[in-house]
């Protein structure tokens, strides 16, 4: 069980969590925030909790969208939800054998490193089992926000389940009175999208 304390960072899955899942989306015009996403991210920023995105984008490896298409979608996400402190993106497919594609822990570890916090101080928020497995593998706390696409067994296996993103923020901000760890990586934004 995770100690109830203020997180060093909250790492969001992108598709199905922050924005509606449009499979292999390369069109920024199709980006639509999930209910509560704007408010949830804004509340975390006001509380000075760093926010990041950790996302599998195998459409690049499959040739279904270009890196530029993906970058345009990510830029649209930031136009709608505001700037994130870090992005960690896996552009590989399952068969590539990388260490970053969720459920592997690489994206969580990379985002934590960019934010200069321990993965153990991070909360990973996602809509499927892969997100929760990546959190577990990295030693982070995982909170599942189910959608109609989330399988029942993924919900049953999740350590924590929230109704929506507002519920997630209520959970993580009410947990803790501890101070927020200092962020000593002001250069993180200059890195652009971190792709493995």
C-alpha atoms as a PDB file:
ATOM      1  CA  UNK A   1       0.000   0.000   0.000  1.00  0.00           C
ATOM      2  CA  UNK A   2       1.296   3.445  -0.867  1.00  0.00           C
ATOM      3  CA  UNK A   3       1.933   5.982   1.831  1.00  0.00           C
ATOM      4  CA  UNK A   4      -0.693   8.684   1.631  1.00  0.00           C
ATOM      5  CA  UNK A   5       1.262  11.827   0.788  1.00  0.00           C
ATOM      6  CA  UNK A   6       1.422  14.568  -1.761  1.00  0.00           C
ATOM      7  CA  UNK A   7       2.750  13.245  -5.073  1.00  0.00           C
ATOM      8  CA  UNK A   8       5.995  14.457  -6.606  1.00  0.00           C
ATOM      9  CA  UNK A   9       4.196  14.421  -9.973  1.00  0.00           C
ATOM     10  CA  UNK A  10       1.059  13.123 -11.659  1.00  0.00           C
ATOM     11  CA  UNK A  11       1.696  11.310 -14.943  1.00  0.00           C
ATOM     12  CA  UNK A  12      -1.309  11.002 -17.245  1.00  0.00           C
ATOM     13  CA  UNK A  13      -1.889   8.575 -20.057  1.00  0.00           C
ATOM     14  CA  UNK A  14      -3.048  10.549 -23.114  1.00  0.00           C
ATOM     15  CA  UNK A  15      -5.679   8.646 -25.111  1.00  0.00           C
ATOM     16  CA  UNK A  16      -8.755   7.625 -23.153  1.00  0.00           C
ATOM     17  CA  UNK A  17      -7.513   9.494 -20.082  1.00  0.00           C
ATOM     18  CA  UNK A  18      -6.757  13.143 -20.936  1.00  0.00           C
ATOM     19  CA  UNK A  19      -8.423  13.122 -24.349  1.00  0.00           C
ATOM     20  CA  UNK A  20     -10.997  10.928 -26.045  1.00  0.00           C
ATOM     21  CA  UNK A  21      -9.413   7.892 -27.652  1.00  0.00           C
ATOM     22  CA  UNK A  22      -9.374   8.194 -31.437  1.00  0.00           C
ATOM     23  CA  UNK A  23      -7.268   5.208 -32.566  1.00  0.00           C
ATOM     24  CA  UNK A  24      -3.996   6.271 -34.221  1.00  0.00           C
ATOM     25  CA  UNK A  25      -5.087   9.876 -34.347  1.00  0.00           C
ATOM     26  CA  UNK A  26      -2.879  12.163 -36.409  1.00  0.00           C
ATOM     27  CA  UNK A  27      -5.475  14.933 -36.775  1.00  0.00           C
ATOM     28  CA  UNK A  28      -5.372  17.710 -34.151  1.00  0.00           C
ATOM     29  CA  UNK A  29      -8.937  18.698 -35.070  1.00  0.00           C
ATOM     30  CA  UNK A  30     -10.150  15.423 -33.523  1.00  0.00           C
ATOM     31  CA  UNK A  31      -8.623  16.156 -30.093  1.00  0.00           C
ATOM     32  CA  UNK A  32     -11.354  16.402 -27.463  1.00  0.00           C
ATOM     33  CA  UNK A  33     -10.582  16.559 -23.736  1.00  0.00           C
ATOM     34  CA  UNK A  34     -12.136  13.931 -21.498  1.00  0.00           C
ATOM     35  CA  UNK A  35     -14.746  15.209 -19.016  1.00  0.00           C
ATOM     36  CA  UNK A  36     -13.029  16.968 -16.140  1.00  0.00           C
ATOM     37  CA  UNK A  37      -9.568  16.958 -17.756  1.00  0.00           C
ATOM     38  CA  UNK A  38      -9.188  20.747 -17.889  1.00  0.00           C
ATOM     39  CA  UNK A  39     -10.274  21.225 -14.284  1.00  0.00           C
ATOM     40  CA  UNK A  40      -8.195  18.303 -12.993  1.00  0.00           C
ATOM     41  CA  UNK A  41      -4.968  19.446 -14.622  1.00  0.00           C
ATOM     42  CA  UNK A  42      -5.593  23.069 -13.609  1.00  0.00           C
ATOM     43  CA  UNK A  43      -6.125  22.077  -9.964  1.00  0.00           C
ATOM     44  CA  UNK A  44      -2.868  20.122  -9.908  1.00  0.00           C
ATOM     45  CA  UNK A  45      -1.007  23.087 -11.385  1.00  0.00           C
ATOM     46  CA  UNK A  46      -2.533  25.435  -8.800  1.00  0.00           C
ATOM     47  CA  UNK A  47      -1.355  23.012  -6.104  1.00  0.00           C
ATOM     48  CA  UNK A  48       2.137  23.121  -7.693  1.00  0.00           C
ATOM     49  CA  UNK A  49       2.112  19.423  -8.502  1.00  0.00           C
ATOM     50  CA  UNK A  50       4.030  18.786 -11.757  1.00  0.00           C
ATOM     51  CA  UNK A  51       1.975  17.152 -14.507  1.00  0.00           C
ATOM     52  CA  UNK A  52       3.278  15.020 -17.359  1.00  0.00           C
ATOM     53  CA  UNK A  53       2.051  12.753 -20.133  1.00  0.00           C
ATOM     54  CA  UNK A  54       3.222   9.152 -20.605  1.00  0.00           C
ATOM     55  CA  UNK A  55       1.807   7.690 -23.799  1.00  0.00           C
ATOM     56  CA  UNK A  56       2.192   4.754 -26.172  1.00  0.00           C
ATOM     57  CA  UNK A  57       1.949   5.882 -29.798  1.00  0.00           C
ATOM     58  CA  UNK A  58       2.515   2.718 -31.827  1.00  0.00           C
ATOM     59  CA  UNK A  59       0.792   4.306 -34.821  1.00  0.00           C
ATOM     60  CA  UNK A  60       4.176   5.853 -35.632  1.00  0.00           C
ATOM     61  CA  UNK A  61       5.884   2.436 -35.752  1.00  0.00           C
ATOM     62  CA  UNK A  62       2.993   1.037 -37.773  1.00  0.00           C
ATOM     63  CA  UNK A  63       3.265   3.892 -40.288  1.00  0.00           C
ATOM     64  CA  UNK A  64      -0.309   5.019 -39.604  1.00  0.00           C
ATOM     65  CA  UNK A  65       0.792   8.517 -38.611  1.00  0.00           C
ATOM     66  CA  UNK A  66       4.030  10.449 -38.862  1.00  0.00           C
ATOM     67  CA  UNK A  67       6.044  11.864 -35.956  1.00  0.00           C
ATOM     68  CA  UNK A  68       4.947  15.309 -37.170  1.00  0.00           C
ATOM     69  CA  UNK A  69       1.268  14.262 -37.067  1.00  0.00           C
ATOM     70  CA  UNK A  70       1.777  13.044 -33.501  1.00  0.00           C
ATOM     71  CA  UNK A  71       3.528  16.283 -32.533  1.00  0.00           C
ATOM     72  CA  UNK A  72       0.617  18.318 -33.922  1.00  0.00           C
ATOM     73  CA  UNK A  73      -1.869  16.287 -31.870  1.00  0.00           C
ATOM     74  CA  UNK A  74       0.270  16.756 -28.749  1.00  0.00           C
ATOM     75  CA  UNK A  75       0.504  20.486 -29.415  1.00  0.00           C
ATOM     76  CA  UNK A  76      -3.296  20.609 -29.649  1.00  0.00           C
ATOM     77  CA  UNK A  77      -3.551  18.779 -26.316  1.00  0.00           C
ATOM     78  CA  UNK A  78      -1.431  21.539 -24.775  1.00  0.00           C
ATOM     79  CA  UNK A  79      -3.493  24.259 -26.472  1.00  0.00           C
ATOM     80  CA  UNK A  80      -6.601  22.842 -24.808  1.00  0.00           C
ATOM     81  CA  UNK A  81      -5.210  21.695 -21.442  1.00  0.00           C
ATOM     82  CA  UNK A  82      -2.177  23.943 -20.979  1.00  0.00           C
ATOM     83  CA  UNK A  83       1.521  23.044 -21.009  1.00  0.00           C
ATOM     84  CA  UNK A  84       2.727  19.841 -19.396  1.00  0.00           C
ATOM     85  CA  UNK A  85       5.991  19.721 -17.493  1.00  0.00           C
ATOM     86  CA  UNK A  86       7.168  16.643 -19.411  1.00  0.00           C
ATOM     87  CA  UNK A  87       6.116  14.279 -22.173  1.00  0.00           C
ATOM     88  CA  UNK A  88       7.409  10.715 -22.443  1.00  0.00           C
ATOM     89  CA  UNK A  89       6.298   8.986 -25.624  1.00  0.00           C
ATOM     90  CA  UNK A  90       6.910   5.461 -26.896  1.00  0.00           C
ATOM     91  CA  UNK A  91       6.662   5.294 -30.690  1.00  0.00           C
ATOM     92  CA  UNK A  92       7.393   1.548 -30.823  1.00  0.00           C
ATOM     93  CA  UNK A  93       5.089  -1.407 -31.463  1.00  0.00           C
ATOM     94  CA  UNK A  94       4.691  -4.458 -29.216  1.00  0.00           C
ATOM     95  CA  UNK A  95       7.039  -6.545 -31.359  1.00  0.00           C
ATOM     96  CA  UNK A  96       9.884  -4.013 -31.074  1.00  0.00           C
ATOM     97  CA  UNK A  97      10.903  -5.267 -27.632  1.00  0.00           C
ATOM     98  CA  UNK A  98      11.546  -1.799 -26.175  1.00  0.00           C
ATOM     99  CA  UNK A  99      11.644  -1.012 -22.463  1.00  0.00           C
ATOM    100  CA  UNK A 100       9.444   2.064 -22.771  1.00  0.00           C
ATOM    101  CA  UNK A 101       6.141   0.781 -24.175  1.00  0.00           C
ATOM    102  CA  UNK A 102       3.605   0.359 -21.399  1.00  0.00           C
ATOM    103  CA  UNK A 103       3.238  -2.031 -19.567  1.00  0.00           C
ATOM    104  CA  UNK A 104       7.042  -1.685 -19.325  1.00  0.00           C
ATOM    105  CA  UNK A 105       8.115   1.010 -16.835  1.00  0.00           C
ATOM    106  CA  UNK A 106      10.333   3.069 -19.148  1.00  0.00           C
ATOM    107  CA  UNK A 107       7.973   5.980 -19.792  1.00  0.00           C
ATOM    108  CA  UNK A 108       7.234   6.423 -16.095  1.00  0.00           C
ATOM    109  CA  UNK A 109      10.936   6.304 -15.258  1.00  0.00           C
ATOM    110  CA  UNK A 110      11.768   8.758 -18.060  1.00  0.00           C
ATOM    111  CA  UNK A 111       9.094  11.285 -17.056  1.00  0.00           C
ATOM    112  CA  UNK A 112      10.161  11.082 -13.409  1.00  0.00           C
ATOM    113  CA  UNK A 113      13.794  11.654 -14.415  1.00  0.00           C
ATOM    114  CA  UNK A 114      12.907  14.714 -16.503  1.00  0.00           C
ATOM    115  CA  UNK A 115      10.912  16.090 -13.549  1.00  0.00           C
ATOM    116  CA  UNK A 116      13.724  15.206 -11.126  1.00  0.00           C
ATOM    117  CA  UNK A 117      11.474  13.139  -8.855  1.00  0.00           C
ATOM    118  CA  UNK A 118      11.508   9.475  -7.907  1.00  0.00           C
ATOM    119  CA  UNK A 119       9.071   7.202  -9.759  1.00  0.00           C
ATOM    120  CA  UNK A 120       7.949   6.125  -6.276  1.00  0.00           C
ATOM    121  CA  UNK A 121       6.711   9.671  -5.695  1.00  0.00           C
ATOM    122  CA  UNK A 122       4.639   9.673  -8.892  1.00  0.00           C
ATOM    123  CA  UNK A 123       0.992   8.868  -9.494  1.00  0.00           C
ATOM    124  CA  UNK A 124       0.210   7.309 -12.880  1.00  0.00           C
ATOM    125  CA  UNK A 125      -3.345   7.892 -14.125  1.00  0.00           C
ATOM    126  CA  UNK A 126      -4.693   5.773 -16.960  1.00  0.00           C
ATOM    127  CA  UNK A 127      -7.702   4.004 -18.401  1.00  0.00           C
ATOM    128  CA  UNK A 128      -6.349   0.495 -19.050  1.00  0.00           C
ATOM    129  CA  UNK A 129      -4.398  -2.263 -17.362  1.00  0.00           C
ATOM    130  CA  UNK A 130      -1.184  -1.448 -19.258  1.00  0.00           C
ATOM    131  CA  UNK A 131      -1.055   1.930 -17.502  1.00  0.00           C
ATOM    132  CA  UNK A 132      -1.430   0.310 -14.097  1.00  0.00           C
ATOM    133  CA  UNK A 133       1.164  -2.371 -14.891  1.00  0.00           C
ATOM    134  CA  UNK A 134       3.655   0.311 -15.949  1.00  0.00           C
ATOM    135  CA  UNK A 135       3.034   2.156 -12.683  1.00  0.00           C
ATOM    136  CA  UNK A 136       3.575  -1.033 -10.670  1.00  0.00           C
ATOM    137  CA  UNK A 137       6.724  -1.932 -12.592  1.00  0.00           C
ATOM    138  CA  UNK A 138       8.184   1.523 -11.914  1.00  0.00           C
ATOM    139  CA  UNK A 139       7.200   1.505  -8.244  1.00  0.00           C
ATOM    140  CA  UNK A 140       4.671   4.309  -8.767  1.00  0.00           C
ATOM    141  CA  UNK A 141       1.115   4.581  -7.512  1.00  0.00           C
ATOM    142  CA  UNK A 142      -1.449   3.811 -10.210  1.00  0.00           C
ATOM    143  CA  UNK A 143      -5.038   5.070 -10.350  1.00  0.00           C
ATOM    144  CA  UNK A 144      -7.345   3.621 -12.991  1.00  0.00           C
ATOM    145  CA  UNK A 145     -10.114   5.779 -14.464  1.00  0.00           C
ATOM    146  CA  UNK A 146     -12.260   3.276 -16.372  1.00  0.00           C
ATOM    147  CA  UNK A 147     -14.006   4.047 -19.636  1.00  0.00           C
ATOM    148  CA  UNK A 148     -16.464   1.826 -21.526  1.00  0.00           C
ATOM    149  CA  UNK A 149     -13.413   0.308 -23.272  1.00  0.00           C
ATOM    150  CA  UNK A 150     -11.733  -0.724 -19.997  1.00  0.00           C
ATOM    151  CA  UNK A 151     -12.006  -4.475 -19.469  1.00  0.00           C
ATOM    152  CA  UNK A 152     -13.655  -5.709 -16.276  1.00  0.00           C
ATOM    153  CA  UNK A 153     -10.583  -7.723 -15.276  1.00  0.00           C
ATOM    154  CA  UNK A 154      -8.457  -4.557 -15.536  1.00  0.00           C
ATOM    155  CA  UNK A 155     -10.794  -2.805 -13.115  1.00  0.00           C
ATOM    156  CA  UNK A 156     -10.711  -5.731 -10.697  1.00  0.00           C
ATOM    157  CA  UNK A 157      -6.912  -5.916 -10.798  1.00  0.00           C
ATOM    158  CA  UNK A 158      -6.328  -2.183 -10.247  1.00  0.00           C
ATOM    159  CA  UNK A 159      -5.058  -1.162  -6.816  1.00  0.00           C
ATOM    160  CA  UNK A 160      -7.104   2.057  -6.983  1.00  0.00           C
ATOM    161  CA  UNK A 161     -10.035   3.031  -9.163  1.00  0.00           C
ATOM    162  CA  UNK A 162     -11.449   6.546  -9.535  1.00  0.00           C
ATOM    163  CA  UNK A 163     -14.757   7.627 -11.052  1.00  0.00           C
ATOM    164  CA  UNK A 164     -13.184  10.385 -13.160  1.00  0.00           C
ATOM    165  CA  UNK A 165     -10.227  12.780 -13.294  1.00  0.00           C
ATOM    166  CA  UNK A 166     -11.771  15.114 -10.709  1.00  0.00           C
ATOM    167  CA  UNK A 167     -11.996  12.141  -8.336  1.00  0.00           C
ATOM    168  CA  UNK A 168      -8.292  11.409  -9.014  1.00  0.00           C
ATOM    169  CA  UNK A 169      -7.300  14.937  -8.045  1.00  0.00           C
ATOM    170  CA  UNK A 170      -9.485  14.783  -4.938  1.00  0.00           C
ATOM    171  CA  UNK A 171      -7.684  11.574  -3.962  1.00  0.00           C
ATOM    172  CA  UNK A 172      -4.134  12.771  -4.534  1.00  0.00           C
ATOM    173  CA  UNK A 173      -4.544  16.256  -3.086  1.00  0.00           C
ATOM    174  CA  UNK A 174      -6.505  15.183  -0.011  1.00  0.00           C
ATOM    175  CA  UNK A 175      -3.971  12.466   0.751  1.00  0.00           C
ATOM    176  CA  UNK A 176      -1.239  14.720   1.733  1.00  0.00           C
ATOM    177  CA  UNK A 177      -0.071  17.467   3.876  1.00  0.00           C
ATOM    178  CA  UNK A 178       3.585  16.872   3.036  1.00  0.00           C
ATOM    179  CA  UNK A 179       5.396  19.581   1.065  1.00  0.00           C
ATOM    180  CA  UNK A 180       5.843  19.232  -2.674  1.00  0.00           C
ATOM    181  CA  UNK A 181       9.365  18.107  -3.600  1.00  0.00           C
ATOM    182  CA  UNK A 182      11.379  20.897  -5.217  1.00  0.00           C
ATOM    183  CA  UNK A 183      11.610  20.671  -8.980  1.00  0.00           C
ATOM    184  CA  UNK A 184      15.186  21.365 -10.012  1.00  0.00           C
ATOM    185  CA  UNK A 185      14.739  20.754 -13.728  1.00  0.00           C
ATOM    186  CA  UNK A 186      13.555  24.045 -15.239  1.00  0.00           C
ATOM    187  CA  UNK A 187      15.105  22.911 -18.525  1.00  0.00           C
ATOM    188  CA  UNK A 188      12.549  20.118 -18.891  1.00  0.00           C
ATOM    189  CA  UNK A 189      10.211  22.157 -21.111  1.00  0.00           C
ATOM    190  CA  UNK A 190      13.028  22.923 -23.535  1.00  0.00           C
ATOM    191  CA  UNK A 191      13.446  19.245 -24.334  1.00  0.00           C
ATOM    192  CA  UNK A 192      10.258  19.023 -26.367  1.00  0.00           C
ATOM    193  CA  UNK A 193       8.608  15.616 -26.649  1.00  0.00           C
ATOM    194  CA  UNK A 194      10.813  12.934 -25.153  1.00  0.00           C
ATOM    195  CA  UNK A 195      10.628   9.989 -27.552  1.00  0.00           C
ATOM    196  CA  UNK A 196      12.283   6.634 -27.029  1.00  0.00           C
END
